[in-house]
Protein backbone atom coordinates (compact mmCIF):
# COMPACT_ATOMS: atom_id res chain seq x y z
CA MET A 1 0.00 0.00 0.00
CA ALA A 2 1.28 3.48 -0.86
CA LYS A 3 2.08 5.89 1.94
CA ASP A 4 0.33 9.23 2.32
CA LEU A 5 2.30 12.44 2.78
CA ASN A 6 1.32 15.65 4.54
CA LYS A 7 4.44 17.85 4.42
CA VAL A 8 4.76 21.64 4.25
CA LEU A 9 7.99 23.60 3.70
CA LEU A 10 7.78 27.41 3.82
CA ILE A 11 10.21 30.32 3.82
CA GLY A 12 8.67 33.66 4.70
CA ARG A 13 8.37 36.53 7.15
CA LEU A 14 6.30 36.72 10.33
CA GLY A 15 3.25 38.95 10.11
CA GLN A 16 3.18 39.51 13.87
CA ASP A 17 5.06 38.52 17.00
CA PRO A 18 4.33 34.93 18.05
CA GLU A 19 1.53 34.64 20.60
CA LEU A 20 2.56 32.19 23.34
CA LYS A 21 -0.10 30.51 25.47
CA TYR A 22 -0.23 27.46 27.69
CA THR A 23 -2.88 24.75 27.75
CA GLN A 24 -4.58 23.88 31.05
CA SER A 25 -2.08 21.04 31.42
CA GLY A 26 0.85 23.46 30.99
CA VAL A 27 1.85 22.67 27.39
CA ALA A 28 3.23 25.67 25.48
CA VAL A 29 1.65 26.60 22.15
CA ALA A 30 2.66 29.52 19.91
CA ASN A 31 0.68 30.94 17.00
CA PHE A 32 1.81 33.37 14.32
CA SER A 33 1.13 34.28 10.72
CA LEU A 34 3.73 33.77 8.01
CA ALA A 35 3.76 35.62 4.68
CA THR A 36 5.19 34.05 1.54
CA GLY A 37 5.48 36.01 -1.67
CA MET A 38 5.46 35.21 -5.36
CA LYS A 39 6.45 37.40 -8.32
CA TRP A 40 5.81 36.78 -12.02
CA LYS A 41 5.52 38.65 -15.29
CA ASP A 42 2.07 38.86 -16.82
CA GLN A 43 1.30 38.58 -20.54
CA GLU A 44 2.06 42.29 -21.02
CA GLY A 45 5.49 41.91 -19.38
CA ASN A 46 4.51 43.73 -16.17
CA TRP A 47 5.66 42.36 -12.85
CA GLN A 48 2.87 41.06 -10.63
CA GLU A 49 3.16 40.13 -6.97
CA ARG A 50 1.04 38.07 -4.61
CA THR A 51 1.39 37.44 -0.89
CA GLU A 52 -0.03 34.29 0.69
CA TRP A 53 -0.66 34.24 4.45
CA HIS A 54 -0.28 31.04 6.49
CA ASN A 55 -1.47 30.34 10.04
CA VAL A 56 1.39 28.63 11.89
CA LYS A 57 1.29 26.75 15.20
CA ALA A 58 4.20 25.38 17.25
CA TRP A 59 4.02 23.22 20.38
CA ARG A 60 6.14 22.63 23.50
CA GLY A 61 9.81 23.67 23.39
CA LEU A 62 9.57 24.84 19.79
CA ALA A 63 6.70 27.16 20.78
CA GLU A 64 8.84 28.73 23.50
CA THR A 65 11.80 29.08 21.11
CA CYS A 66 9.59 30.82 18.55
CA SER A 67 8.23 33.15 21.22
CA ASN A 68 11.69 33.99 22.56
CA TYR A 69 13.56 34.54 19.29
CA LEU A 70 11.08 35.49 16.56
CA LYS A 71 9.27 38.77 16.07
CA LYS A 72 7.25 40.52 13.40
CA GLY A 73 9.30 40.64 10.19
CA SER A 74 11.63 37.75 11.13
CA ARG A 75 12.55 35.60 8.13
CA VAL A 76 12.20 31.88 8.86
CA TYR A 77 12.07 28.44 7.32
CA VAL A 78 9.37 26.23 8.81
CA GLU A 79 8.62 22.59 8.20
CA GLY A 80 5.54 20.70 9.29
CA ARG A 81 2.13 19.45 8.23
CA LEU A 82 -1.29 20.86 7.37
CA GLU A 83 -4.13 20.44 9.85
CA THR A 84 -7.68 21.67 9.23
CA SER A 85 -10.28 22.16 11.94
CA ASN A 86 -13.96 22.95 11.45
CA TRP A 87 -16.82 24.15 13.59
CA GLU A 88 -20.34 25.52 13.37
CA ASP A 89 -21.30 28.93 14.72
CA GLU A 90 -24.58 29.73 16.47
CA ASN A 91 -26.26 30.17 13.04
CA LYS A 92 -25.22 26.66 11.97
CA LYS A 93 -22.73 28.12 9.48
CA LYS A 94 -19.70 25.87 9.01
CA HIS A 95 -16.23 27.44 9.37
CA TYR A 96 -12.82 25.99 8.48
CA LYS A 97 -9.31 26.91 9.57
CA THR A 98 -6.16 25.40 8.10
CA GLU A 99 -2.92 25.69 10.06
CA VAL A 100 0.66 24.63 9.47
CA ILE A 101 1.68 22.61 12.53
CA ILE A 102 5.47 22.93 12.57
CA ASP A 103 8.05 20.53 13.95
CA ASP A 104 11.12 22.35 12.63
CA MET A 105 12.06 26.02 12.37
CA ILE A 106 15.25 27.72 11.16
CA MET A 107 15.84 31.44 11.75
CA LEU A 108 17.17 32.93 8.51
CA ASP A 109 17.95 36.49 9.62
CA SER A 110 21.58 37.35 10.23
CA LYS A 111 22.60 38.59 13.66
CA SER A 112 23.19 42.04 12.20
CA ASP A 113 19.52 42.16 11.13
CA ASN A 114 18.68 42.57 14.83
CA THR A 115 15.73 40.17 14.58
CA GLY A 116 16.58 37.59 17.15
CA GLY A 117 19.90 36.26 15.94
CA GLY A 118 21.69 34.12 13.41
CA SER A 119 20.92 31.10 11.34
CA ASN A 120 19.74 28.74 14.03
CA THR A 121 17.35 25.85 13.96
CA ALA A 122 14.91 24.46 16.49
CA LYS A 123 12.87 21.26 16.47
CA THR A 124 10.07 19.85 18.56
CA GLU A 125 10.90 17.71 21.55
CA LYS A 126 10.05 14.55 19.62
CA SER A 127 12.96 15.28 17.29
CA SER A 128 15.35 17.42 19.29
CA THR A 129 15.01 20.49 21.47
CA GLU A 130 18.60 21.53 20.86
CA SER A 131 19.51 24.08 18.22
CA LYS A 132 22.03 23.20 15.55
CA ALA A 133 25.33 25.05 15.74
CA SER A 134 25.56 28.37 13.94
CA ASP A 135 28.68 29.47 12.07
CA ASP A 136 29.78 31.40 15.19
CA ASP A 137 29.91 28.14 17.17
CA LEU A 138 32.29 26.35 14.80
CA PRO A 139 35.94 26.18 15.90
CA PHE A 140 37.33 26.87 12.41
């Protein structure tokens, strides 16, 4: 039987500072929006641009890392999966929300960008809560 795949890879900029909350059982969860852009030339040769907004959610240690080091405008790489929830309002109207649940995040801003520091990576606790070494950490 063939395997299914639900994988999302995005590089973009945060639309707002991450919002960190804790569940009743004390589990950290961070939410933020991520903008990705696309440019193309139309049939007349004029440049067109489109921005797509993504709802992003991180859990546990990764949520705290996002909250501590990312802010509005930070450029990041995120990796995760799509998850859609649905609900009905009081008028029986059905609503849907699709989020990118991330399990990996790499900060792409340089330290001189003053946006939380270097090219670092963070993963969920199931993978690793430690960040990979940045170029500043290498002995050569």
